[in-house]
Amino acid sequence: MDIPRGKLIAIGGAVNKGNEEELESSEQSNSDFFELGILARMLKELHDPGSRIEIITTASEIPEETGQRYIDAFERLDHSNTDVIHIQSREDVDNPEYAARIFTAGAILFTGGNQLRLSSIFGGTKLNEVTHKKYMQEDFIIAGTSAGAMAMSNIMIQGSSSVALLKNEVKISSGLGFIRDVTIDSHFVKRGRFSRLFQTVATNPACVGIGLGEDTGLLITEGNKMEAIGTGLVIIVDGQNIQHSNIAAVPDNEPISIENLVVHILVKGNGYILSERKFLGSYFDYFTMGIENLNNE
């Protein structure tokens, strides 16, 4: 399988944009935001520090306001080369200007909102093909927050009821497919979305569930190496070793039982190797030690 040269940054929502209201209500100081914020980390990961970032507001119900917030946030981080692509329909996707802008950008960021809008508007389009090709062949960043993160994978949670551990109470559809064999959920801890991720993984045991807390994310390189970033928790749900589940046998709306569902909890600096289903206590140390061992051989 081809290894992507680009990077994904999946963010759980409510990302700290450094505005006065957020800073006043946070324990973090202004300097903490500039040093530790997810958006600051995104800028550090740019191949060319001055390259353009395109904000894609398709998922948002208030696209102009949302786009401007991100422009302002990146300006606070001394990055002024940021623009907004307002794609609101399948007809908009066909605009050749948008493909050209993505092709020449260093990064794109899908905002929050409704993930079904993203999948239904972008899915199967040439613009999505251009984005995939650039991600696979270049040092290109695709970031997404909340709905923008949930739409990154091929298996996307569309929604659920409040009783998600009843069969078929979680609705699943296809996402944009930048990463496979995972499903991503957002606002995970604050909104108590554990049960719907458990059911999604029980339905698709080959799929790793990723629950992203607010102002928290994963930096994914080579489509496989995951580093927790931000201020909160990343929950990994692995169904590979499920021994028993009644999900195929029970009628709709009946309770689900699952044996041996594996859960990992990551904080900043922890990591996860998707292909090995391996938790890393220190992402940096794991790969530094690996390089040193290779050099010593």
C-alpha atoms as a PDB file:
ATOM      1  CA  MET A   1       0.000   0.000   0.000  1.00  0.00           C
ATOM      2  CA  ASP A   2       1.299   3.468  -0.880  1.00  0.00           C
ATOM      3  CA  ILE A   3       2.470   5.590   2.047  1.00  0.00           C
ATOM      4  CA  PRO A   4       1.177   9.173   1.985  1.00  0.00           C
ATOM      5  CA  ARG A   5       3.802  11.912   2.110  1.00  0.00           C
ATOM      6  CA  GLY A   6       1.301  14.322   3.625  1.00  0.00           C
ATOM      7  CA  LYS A   7       0.016  14.682   7.178  1.00  0.00           C
ATOM      8  CA  LEU A   8      -3.421  14.649   8.766  1.00  0.00           C
ATOM      9  CA  ILE A   9      -4.347  16.694  11.816  1.00  0.00           C
ATOM     10  CA  ALA A  10      -7.669  15.556  13.285  1.00  0.00           C
ATOM     11  CA  ILE A  11      -8.995  17.933  15.959  1.00  0.00           C
ATOM     12  CA  GLY A  12     -11.815  17.199  18.380  1.00  0.00           C
ATOM     13  CA  GLY A  13     -13.464  20.628  18.131  1.00  0.00           C
ATOM     14  CA  ALA A  14     -13.526  23.824  20.217  1.00  0.00           C
ATOM     15  CA  VAL A  15      -9.935  24.472  19.174  1.00  0.00           C
ATOM     16  CA  ASN A  16      -8.377  27.394  21.046  1.00  0.00           C
ATOM     17  CA  LYS A  17      -8.162  30.191  18.468  1.00  0.00           C
ATOM     18  CA  GLY A  18      -6.571  32.647  20.889  1.00  0.00           C
ATOM     19  CA  ASN A  19      -9.414  35.150  20.977  1.00  0.00           C
ATOM     20  CA  GLU A  20      -9.910  37.258  24.085  1.00  0.00           C
ATOM     21  CA  GLU A  21     -13.043  35.489  25.299  1.00  0.00           C
ATOM     22  CA  GLU A  22     -11.402  32.051  25.077  1.00  0.00           C
ATOM     23  CA  LEU A  23      -8.205  33.254  26.712  1.00  0.00           C
ATOM     24  CA  GLU A  24     -10.046  34.919  29.601  1.00  0.00           C
ATOM     25  CA  SER A  25     -12.005  31.735  30.304  1.00  0.00           C
ATOM     26  CA  SER A  26      -8.948  29.484  30.052  1.00  0.00           C
ATOM     27  CA  GLU A  27      -6.280  28.694  32.584  1.00  0.00           C
ATOM     28  CA  GLN A  28      -3.751  29.015  29.793  1.00  0.00           C
ATOM     29  CA  SER A  29      -2.022  32.332  29.289  1.00  0.00           C
ATOM     30  CA  ASN A  30      -1.637  34.052  25.950  1.00  0.00           C
ATOM     31  CA  SER A  31       1.939  32.763  25.696  1.00  0.00           C
ATOM     32  CA  ASP A  32       0.764  29.194  26.369  1.00  0.00           C
ATOM     33  CA  PHE A  33      -1.593  29.427  23.393  1.00  0.00           C
ATOM     34  CA  PHE A  34       1.116  30.590  21.054  1.00  0.00           C
ATOM     35  CA  GLU A  35       3.534  27.903  22.221  1.00  0.00           C
ATOM     36  CA  LEU A  36       1.233  24.935  22.699  1.00  0.00           C
ATOM     37  CA  GLY A  37      -1.889  25.484  20.617  1.00  0.00           C
ATOM     38  CA  ILE A  38      -2.905  22.997  17.951  1.00  0.00           C
ATOM     39  CA  LEU A  39      -2.951  25.700  15.299  1.00  0.00           C
ATOM     40  CA  ALA A  40       0.582  26.683  16.259  1.00  0.00           C
ATOM     41  CA  ARG A  41       1.623  23.045  15.869  1.00  0.00           C
ATOM     42  CA  MET A  42      -0.045  22.982  12.469  1.00  0.00           C
ATOM     43  CA  LEU A  43       2.107  25.923  11.402  1.00  0.00           C
ATOM     44  CA  LYS A  44       5.248  24.149  12.623  1.00  0.00           C
ATOM     45  CA  GLU A  45       4.375  21.154  10.471  1.00  0.00           C
ATOM     46  CA  LEU A  46       4.127  23.201   7.262  1.00  0.00           C
ATOM     47  CA  HIS A  47       6.814  22.226   4.751  1.00  0.00           C
ATOM     48  CA  ASP A  48       7.138  25.883   3.775  1.00  0.00           C
ATOM     49  CA  PRO A  49       6.372  28.170   6.772  1.00  0.00           C
ATOM     50  CA  GLY A  50       4.981  30.879   4.500  1.00  0.00           C
ATOM     51  CA  SER A  51       2.760  28.648   2.373  1.00  0.00           C
ATOM     52  CA  ARG A  52      -0.939  29.351   2.079  1.00  0.00           C
ATOM     53  CA  ILE A  53      -3.551  27.698   4.284  1.00  0.00           C
ATOM     54  CA  GLU A  54      -7.026  27.332   2.787  1.00  0.00           C
ATOM     55  CA  ILE A  55      -9.962  27.180   5.214  1.00  0.00           C
ATOM     56  CA  ILE A  56     -12.862  25.110   3.840  1.00  0.00           C
ATOM     57  CA  THR A  57     -16.138  26.061   5.526  1.00  0.00           C
ATOM     58  CA  THR A  58     -18.502  23.614   3.805  1.00  0.00           C
ATOM     59  CA  ALA A  59     -19.665  21.959   7.038  1.00  0.00           C
ATOM     60  CA  SER A  60     -20.522  25.236   8.766  1.00  0.00           C
ATOM     61  CA  GLU A  61     -23.913  26.941   8.902  1.00  0.00           C
ATOM     62  CA  ILE A  62     -22.134  30.300   9.331  1.00  0.00           C
ATOM     63  CA  PRO A  63     -19.299  29.920   6.806  1.00  0.00           C
ATOM     64  CA  GLU A  64     -18.251  33.591   6.522  1.00  0.00           C
ATOM     65  CA  GLU A  65     -18.006  34.074  10.278  1.00  0.00           C
ATOM     66  CA  THR A  66     -16.265  30.735  10.793  1.00  0.00           C
ATOM     67  CA  GLY A  67     -13.733  31.388   8.057  1.00  0.00           C
ATOM     68  CA  GLN A  68     -12.880  34.824   9.432  1.00  0.00           C
ATOM     69  CA  ARG A  69     -12.298  33.380  12.910  1.00  0.00           C
ATOM     70  CA  TYR A  70      -9.618  31.092  11.526  1.00  0.00           C
ATOM     71  CA  ILE A  71      -8.029  33.877   9.487  1.00  0.00           C
ATOM     72  CA  ASP A  72      -7.861  35.964  12.674  1.00  0.00           C
ATOM     73  CA  ALA A  73      -6.464  33.018  14.667  1.00  0.00           C
ATOM     74  CA  PHE A  74      -3.636  32.371  12.226  1.00  0.00           C
ATOM     75  CA  GLU A  75      -2.858  36.095  12.099  1.00  0.00           C
ATOM     76  CA  ARG A  76      -2.426  36.016  15.884  1.00  0.00           C
ATOM     77  CA  LEU A  77       0.160  33.335  15.235  1.00  0.00           C
ATOM     78  CA  ASP A  78       1.911  35.628  12.708  1.00  0.00           C
ATOM     79  CA  HIS A  79       0.709  33.669   9.687  1.00  0.00           C
ATOM     80  CA  SER A  80      -1.095  36.001   7.293  1.00  0.00           C
ATOM     81  CA  ASN A  81      -1.197  33.782   4.206  1.00  0.00           C
ATOM     82  CA  THR A  82      -4.621  32.300   4.937  1.00  0.00           C
ATOM     83  CA  ASP A  83      -7.695  32.300   2.716  1.00  0.00           C
ATOM     84  CA  VAL A  84     -11.187  30.787   2.734  1.00  0.00           C
ATOM     85  CA  ILE A  85     -12.899  28.558   0.185  1.00  0.00           C
ATOM     86  CA  HIS A  86     -16.678  28.740   0.601  1.00  0.00           C
ATOM     87  CA  ILE A  87     -17.953  25.556  -1.070  1.00  0.00           C
ATOM     88  CA  GLN A  88     -21.637  25.122  -0.331  1.00  0.00           C
ATOM     89  CA  SER A  89     -22.889  22.813  -3.114  1.00  0.00           C
ATOM     90  CA  ARG A  90     -21.851  20.146  -5.628  1.00  0.00           C
ATOM     91  CA  GLU A  91     -21.878  22.872  -8.276  1.00  0.00           C
ATOM     92  CA  ASP A  92     -19.293  24.872  -6.313  1.00  0.00           C
ATOM     93  CA  VAL A  93     -16.953  21.869  -6.261  1.00  0.00           C
ATOM     94  CA  ASP A  94     -16.668  22.017 -10.056  1.00  0.00           C
ATOM     95  CA  ASN A  95     -15.135  25.505  -9.945  1.00  0.00           C
ATOM     96  CA  PRO A  96     -11.589  25.038 -11.391  1.00  0.00           C
ATOM     97  CA  GLU A  97     -10.330  27.922  -9.236  1.00  0.00           C
ATOM     98  CA  TYR A  98     -10.842  25.863  -6.082  1.00  0.00           C
ATOM     99  CA  ALA A  99      -8.849  22.906  -7.413  1.00  0.00           C
ATOM    100  CA  ALA A 100      -6.030  25.264  -8.410  1.00  0.00           C
ATOM    101  CA  ARG A 101      -6.009  26.873  -4.970  1.00  0.00           C
ATOM    102  CA  ILE A 102      -5.825  23.531  -3.176  1.00  0.00           C
ATOM    103  CA  PHE A 103      -3.151  22.351  -5.600  1.00  0.00           C
ATOM    104  CA  THR A 104      -0.909  25.316  -4.717  1.00  0.00           C
ATOM    105  CA  ALA A 105      -1.659  25.467  -0.970  1.00  0.00           C
ATOM    106  CA  GLY A 106       0.520  24.072   1.795  1.00  0.00           C
ATOM    107  CA  ALA A 107      -2.441  23.030   3.940  1.00  0.00           C
ATOM    108  CA  ILE A 108      -6.215  22.957   4.112  1.00  0.00           C
ATOM    109  CA  LEU A 109      -8.436  22.974   7.190  1.00  0.00           C
ATOM    110  CA  PHE A 110     -12.010  21.678   7.170  1.00  0.00           C
ATOM    111  CA  THR A 111     -14.044  23.523   9.797  1.00  0.00           C
ATOM    112  CA  GLY A 112     -16.697  22.071  12.071  1.00  0.00           C
ATOM    113  CA  GLY A 113     -20.424  21.865  11.448  1.00  0.00           C
ATOM    114  CA  ASN A 114     -22.207  18.939   9.806  1.00  0.00           C
ATOM    115  CA  GLN A 115     -19.991  16.106   8.543  1.00  0.00           C
ATOM    116  CA  LEU A 116     -22.714  14.841   6.213  1.00  0.00           C
ATOM    117  CA  ARG A 117     -22.478  18.119   4.296  1.00  0.00           C
ATOM    118  CA  LEU A 118     -18.798  17.468   3.729  1.00  0.00           C
ATOM    119  CA  SER A 119     -19.218  13.872   2.593  1.00  0.00           C
ATOM    120  CA  SER A 120     -22.232  14.577   0.377  1.00  0.00           C
ATOM    121  CA  ILE A 121     -20.699  17.644  -1.289  1.00  0.00           C
ATOM    122  CA  PHE A 122     -17.083  16.442  -1.678  1.00  0.00           C
ATOM    123  CA  GLY A 123     -17.546  12.699  -2.049  1.00  0.00           C
ATOM    124  CA  GLY A 124     -16.743  11.304  -5.495  1.00  0.00           C
ATOM    125  CA  THR A 125     -15.690  14.682  -6.933  1.00  0.00           C
ATOM    126  CA  LYS A 126     -12.575  15.675  -8.863  1.00  0.00           C
ATOM    127  CA  LEU A 127     -11.787  18.189  -6.134  1.00  0.00           C
ATOM    128  CA  ASN A 128     -11.610  15.347  -3.623  1.00  0.00           C
ATOM    129  CA  GLU A 129      -9.384  13.434  -6.056  1.00  0.00           C
ATOM    130  CA  VAL A 130      -7.046  16.436  -6.339  1.00  0.00           C
ATOM    131  CA  THR A 131      -6.879  16.685  -2.556  1.00  0.00           C
ATOM    132  CA  HIS A 132      -6.139  12.956  -2.195  1.00  0.00           C
ATOM    133  CA  LYS A 133      -3.445  13.077  -4.862  1.00  0.00           C
ATOM    134  CA  LYS A 134      -1.720  16.045  -3.263  1.00  0.00           C
ATOM    135  CA  TYR A 135      -1.871  14.375   0.174  1.00  0.00           C
ATOM    136  CA  MET A 136      -0.346  11.165  -1.191  1.00  0.00           C
ATOM    137  CA  GLN A 137       2.390  12.772  -3.275  1.00  0.00           C
ATOM    138  CA  GLU A 138       3.427  15.935  -1.423  1.00  0.00           C
ATOM    139  CA  ASP A 139       4.255  17.215   2.050  1.00  0.00           C
ATOM    140  CA  PHE A 140       0.737  18.583   2.381  1.00  0.00           C
ATOM    141  CA  ILE A 141      -1.375  18.994   5.516  1.00  0.00           C
ATOM    142  CA  ILE A 142      -5.070  18.156   5.724  1.00  0.00           C
ATOM    143  CA  ALA A 143      -6.530  19.352   9.024  1.00  0.00           C
ATOM    144  CA  GLY A 144     -10.097  19.064  10.213  1.00  0.00           C
ATOM    145  CA  THR A 145     -11.874  20.064  13.383  1.00  0.00           C
ATOM    146  CA  SER A 146     -15.044  18.438  14.752  1.00  0.00           C
ATOM    147  CA  ALA A 147     -17.102  17.512  11.661  1.00  0.00           C
ATOM    148  CA  GLY A 148     -13.998  18.177   9.566  1.00  0.00           C
ATOM    149  CA  ALA A 149     -12.147  15.508  11.550  1.00  0.00           C
ATOM    150  CA  MET A 150     -15.027  13.026  11.496  1.00  0.00           C
ATOM    151  CA  ALA A 151     -15.237  13.189   7.693  1.00  0.00           C
ATOM    152  CA  MET A 152     -11.535  12.328   7.203  1.00  0.00           C
ATOM    153  CA  SER A 153     -11.906   8.546   7.377  1.00  0.00           C
ATOM    154  CA  ASN A 154     -13.666   6.097   5.073  1.00  0.00           C
ATOM    155  CA  ILE A 155     -16.064   5.044   7.871  1.00  0.00           C
ATOM    156  CA  MET A 156     -17.877   8.113   9.209  1.00  0.00           C
ATOM    157  CA  ILE A 157     -20.288   8.400  12.109  1.00  0.00           C
ATOM    158  CA  GLN A 158     -23.265  10.307  10.781  1.00  0.00           C
ATOM    159  CA  GLY A 159     -25.188  10.540  14.039  1.00  0.00           C
ATOM    160  CA  SER A 160     -26.854   8.631  16.843  1.00  0.00           C
ATOM    161  CA  SER A 161     -29.555   8.727  19.460  1.00  0.00           C
ATOM    162  CA  SER A 162     -28.784   9.173  23.154  1.00  0.00           C
ATOM    163  CA  VAL A 163     -29.034   5.391  23.664  1.00  0.00           C
ATOM    164  CA  ALA A 164     -26.323   4.325  21.257  1.00  0.00           C
ATOM    165  CA  LEU A 165     -25.628   0.889  22.723  1.00  0.00           C
ATOM    166  CA  LEU A 166     -28.885  -0.343  21.283  1.00  0.00           C
ATOM    167  CA  LYS A 167     -28.480  -2.025  17.904  1.00  0.00           C
ATOM    168  CA  ASN A 168     -28.664   0.306  14.890  1.00  0.00           C
ATOM    169  CA  GLU A 169     -28.974   3.455  16.980  1.00  0.00           C
ATOM    170  CA  VAL A 170     -25.704   4.693  15.448  1.00  0.00           C
ATOM    171  CA  LYS A 171     -25.861   5.821  11.822  1.00  0.00           C
ATOM    172  CA  ILE A 172     -22.734   5.269   9.723  1.00  0.00           C
ATOM    173  CA  SER A 173     -21.898   6.475   6.226  1.00  0.00           C
ATOM    174  CA  SER A 174     -18.829   6.942   4.038  1.00  0.00           C
ATOM    175  CA  GLY A 175     -16.421   9.788   4.675  1.00  0.00           C
ATOM    176  CA  LEU A 176     -13.739  11.354   2.466  1.00  0.00           C
ATOM    177  CA  GLY A 177     -11.321   8.453   2.906  1.00  0.00           C
ATOM    178  CA  PHE A 178      -8.031  10.214   3.645  1.00  0.00           C
ATOM    179  CA  ILE A 179      -7.343   7.442   6.164  1.00  0.00           C
ATOM    180  CA  ARG A 180      -8.782   3.936   6.202  1.00  0.00           C
ATOM    181  CA  ASP A 181      -9.671   1.444   8.917  1.00  0.00           C
ATOM    182  CA  VAL A 182     -10.470   4.118  11.491  1.00  0.00           C
ATOM    183  CA  THR A 183     -13.541   6.049  12.524  1.00  0.00           C
ATOM    184  CA  ILE A 184     -13.228   9.405  14.252  1.00  0.00           C
ATOM    185  CA  ASP A 185     -15.563  11.040  16.763  1.00  0.00           C
ATOM    186  CA  SER A 186     -15.288  14.575  18.141  1.00  0.00           C
ATOM    187  CA  HIS A 187     -16.229  16.541  21.296  1.00  0.00           C
ATOM    188  CA  PHE A 188     -15.820  13.063  22.685  1.00  0.00           C
ATOM    189  CA  VAL A 189     -15.418  13.387  26.443  1.00  0.00           C
ATOM    190  CA  LYS A 190     -17.524  16.501  27.025  1.00  0.00           C
ATOM    191  CA  ARG A 191     -20.511  15.108  25.114  1.00  0.00           C
ATOM    192  CA  GLY A 192     -20.150  11.543  26.445  1.00  0.00           C
ATOM    193  CA  ARG A 193     -19.911   9.831  23.071  1.00  0.00           C
ATOM    194  CA  PHE A 194     -18.274   6.634  24.324  1.00  0.00           C
ATOM    195  CA  SER A 195     -21.236   4.375  23.597  1.00  0.00           C
ATOM    196  CA  ARG A 196     -21.583   5.330  19.949  1.00  0.00           C
ATOM    197  CA  LEU A 197     -17.884   4.750  19.282  1.00  0.00           C
ATOM    198  CA  PHE A 198     -18.094   1.382  21.055  1.00  0.00           C
ATOM    199  CA  GLN A 199     -21.014   0.369  18.838  1.00  0.00           C
ATOM    200  CA  THR A 200     -19.281   1.579  15.662  1.00  0.00           C
ATOM    201  CA  VAL A 201     -16.198  -0.514  16.459  1.00  0.00           C
ATOM    202  CA  ALA A 202     -18.283  -3.539  17.439  1.00  0.00           C
ATOM    203  CA  THR A 203     -19.992  -3.288  14.051  1.00  0.00           C
ATOM    204  CA  ASN A 204     -16.625  -2.901  12.270  1.00  0.00           C
ATOM    205  CA  PRO A 205     -14.014  -4.727  14.415  1.00  0.00           C
ATOM    206  CA  ALA A 206     -11.233  -4.160  11.871  1.00  0.00           C
ATOM    207  CA  CYS A 207     -11.732  -0.442  12.394  1.00  0.00           C
ATOM    208  CA  VAL A 208      -9.974   1.502  15.165  1.00  0.00           C
ATOM    209  CA  GLY A 209     -12.196   4.059  16.890  1.00  0.00           C
ATOM    210  CA  ILE A 210     -10.682   7.443  17.742  1.00  0.00           C
ATOM    211  CA  GLY A 211     -12.479   9.733  20.182  1.00  0.00           C
ATOM    212  CA  LEU A 212     -11.058  13.248  20.244  1.00  0.00           C
ATOM    213  CA  GLY A 213     -11.568  15.558  23.195  1.00  0.00           C
ATOM    214  CA  GLU A 214     -12.040  19.278  22.694  1.00  0.00           C
ATOM    215  CA  ASP A 215      -8.920  21.328  21.870  1.00  0.00           C
ATOM    216  CA  THR A 216      -7.204  17.968  21.379  1.00  0.00           C
ATOM    217  CA  GLY A 217      -6.113  16.140  18.291  1.00  0.00           C
ATOM    218  CA  LEU A 218      -3.959  13.604  16.502  1.00  0.00           C
ATOM    219  CA  LEU A 219      -1.106  14.369  14.154  1.00  0.00           C
ATOM    220  CA  ILE A 220      -1.008  11.445  11.731  1.00  0.00           C
ATOM    221  CA  THR A 221       2.042  10.847   9.540  1.00  0.00           C
ATOM    222  CA  GLU A 222       2.558   8.152   6.904  1.00  0.00           C
ATOM    223  CA  GLY A 223      -1.112   7.293   7.387  1.00  0.00           C
ATOM    224  CA  ASN A 224      -0.071   5.241  10.403  1.00  0.00           C
ATOM    225  CA  LYS A 225       1.916   7.079  13.094  1.00  0.00           C
ATOM    226  CA  MET A 226      -0.319   9.003  15.492  1.00  0.00           C
ATOM    227  CA  GLU A 227       0.830  11.615  18.000  1.00  0.00           C
ATOM    228  CA  ALA A 228      -1.573  13.111  20.552  1.00  0.00           C
ATOM    229  CA  ILE A 229      -1.471  16.909  20.610  1.00  0.00           C
ATOM    230  CA  GLY A 230      -3.447  19.604  22.418  1.00  0.00           C
ATOM    231  CA  THR A 231      -4.721  19.911  25.958  1.00  0.00           C
ATOM    232  CA  GLY A 232      -7.142  17.006  26.492  1.00  0.00           C
ATOM    233  CA  LEU A 233      -7.694  13.291  25.890  1.00  0.00           C
ATOM    234  CA  VAL A 234      -7.644  11.018  22.871  1.00  0.00           C
ATOM    235  CA  ILE A 235      -9.513   7.738  23.355  1.00  0.00           C
ATOM    236  CA  ILE A 236      -8.504   4.781  21.170  1.00  0.00           C
ATOM    237  CA  VAL A 237     -11.000   1.891  20.885  1.00  0.00           C
ATOM    238  CA  ASP A 238      -9.667  -1.323  19.354  1.00  0.00           C
ATOM    239  CA  GLY A 239     -12.037  -4.142  18.440  1.00  0.00           C
ATOM    240  CA  GLN A 240      -9.504  -6.483  16.849  1.00  0.00           C
ATOM    241  CA  ASN A 241      -9.555  -8.856  19.846  1.00  0.00           C
ATOM    242  CA  ILE A 242     -13.314  -8.917  20.435  1.00  0.00           C
ATOM    243  CA  GLN A 243     -14.191 -12.463  21.527  1.00  0.00           C
ATOM    244  CA  HIS A 244     -17.959 -12.200  21.680  1.00  0.00           C
ATOM    245  CA  SER A 245     -20.568  -9.758  20.478  1.00  0.00           C
ATOM    246  CA  ASN A 246     -24.285 -10.248  20.039  1.00  0.00           C
ATOM    247  CA  ILE A 247     -24.617  -7.377  17.564  1.00  0.00           C
ATOM    248  CA  ALA A 248     -25.307  -9.644  14.570  1.00  0.00           C
ATOM    249  CA  ALA A 249     -27.879 -11.767  16.386  1.00  0.00           C
ATOM    250  CA  VAL A 250     -30.140  -9.383  18.288  1.00  0.00           C
ATOM    251  CA  PRO A 251     -33.035  -7.425  16.744  1.00  0.00           C
ATOM    252  CA  ASP A 252     -32.877  -3.671  16.224  1.00  0.00           C
ATOM    253  CA  ASN A 253     -33.093  -1.519  19.361  1.00  0.00           C
ATOM    254  CA  GLU A 254     -31.939  -4.385  21.597  1.00  0.00           C
ATOM    255  CA  PRO A 255     -28.904  -3.929  23.931  1.00  0.00           C
ATOM    256  CA  ILE A 256     -25.471  -4.895  22.630  1.00  0.00           C
ATOM    257  CA  SER A 257     -22.903  -6.994  24.489  1.00  0.00           C
ATOM    258  CA  ILE A 258     -19.196  -6.837  23.653  1.00  0.00           C
ATOM    259  CA  GLU A 259     -16.348  -8.882  25.150  1.00  0.00           C
ATOM    260  CA  ASN A 260     -12.709  -7.784  25.191  1.00  0.00           C
ATOM    261  CA  LEU A 261     -12.996  -4.330  23.672  1.00  0.00           C
ATOM    262  CA  VAL A 262      -9.595  -2.678  24.213  1.00  0.00           C
ATOM    263  CA  VAL A 263      -9.430   1.003  25.194  1.00  0.00           C
ATOM    264  CA  HIS A 264      -6.352   3.262  25.362  1.00  0.00           C
ATOM    265  CA  ILE A 265      -6.310   6.821  26.704  1.00  0.00           C
ATOM    266  CA  LEU A 266      -3.733   9.198  25.227  1.00  0.00           C
ATOM    267  CA  VAL A 267      -2.598  12.634  26.349  1.00  0.00           C
ATOM    268  CA  LYS A 268      -0.172  15.054  24.771  1.00  0.00           C
ATOM    269  CA  GLY A 269       3.067  13.281  23.861  1.00  0.00           C
ATOM    270  CA  ASN A 270       1.581   9.770  23.770  1.00  0.00           C
ATOM    271  CA  GLY A 271       1.321   7.971  20.476  1.00  0.00           C
ATOM    272  CA  TYR A 272      -0.267   5.070  18.652  1.00  0.00           C
ATOM    273  CA  ILE A 273       0.878   2.942  15.706  1.00  0.00           C
ATOM    274  CA  LEU A 274      -2.210   2.025  13.715  1.00  0.00           C
ATOM    275  CA  SER A 275      -0.759  -0.918  11.790  1.00  0.00           C
ATOM    276  CA  GLU A 276       0.538  -2.564  14.981  1.00  0.00           C
ATOM    277  CA  ARG A 277      -2.339  -1.511  17.264  1.00  0.00           C
ATOM    278  CA  LYS A 278       0.413  -0.303  19.604  1.00  0.00           C
ATOM    279  CA  PHE A 279       0.196   2.355  22.350  1.00  0.00           C
ATOM    280  CA  LEU A 280       3.297   4.538  22.791  1.00  0.00           C
ATOM    281  CA  GLY A 281       3.988   6.104  26.170  1.00  0.00           C
ATOM    282  CA  SER A 282       6.297   8.622  24.491  1.00  0.00           C
ATOM    283  CA  TYR A 283       5.861   9.195  20.773  1.00  0.00           C
ATOM    284  CA  PHE A 284       9.115  11.141  20.495  1.00  0.00           C
ATOM    285  CA  ASP A 285      11.235   8.658  22.465  1.00  0.00           C
ATOM    286  CA  TYR A 286       9.905   5.670  20.527  1.00  0.00           C
ATOM    287  CA  PHE A 287      10.980   7.019  17.162  1.00  0.00           C
ATOM    288  CA  THR A 288      14.187   8.620  18.455  1.00  0.00           C
ATOM    289  CA  MET A 289      15.273   5.287  19.968  1.00  0.00           C
ATOM    290  CA  GLY A 290      14.406   3.544  16.719  1.00  0.00           C
ATOM    291  CA  ILE A 291      16.615   5.889  14.725  1.00  0.00           C
ATOM    292  CA  GLU A 292      19.461   5.552  17.223  1.00  0.00           C
ATOM    293  CA  ASN A 293      19.246   1.742  17.072  1.00  0.00           C
ATOM    294  CA  LEU A 294      19.432   1.839  13.289  1.00  0.00           C
ATOM    295  CA  ASN A 295      22.473   4.115  13.455  1.00  0.00           C
ATOM    296  CA  ASN A 296      24.213   1.738  15.873  1.00  0.00           C
ATOM    297  CA  GLU A 297      23.732  -1.321  13.695  1.00  0.00           C
END
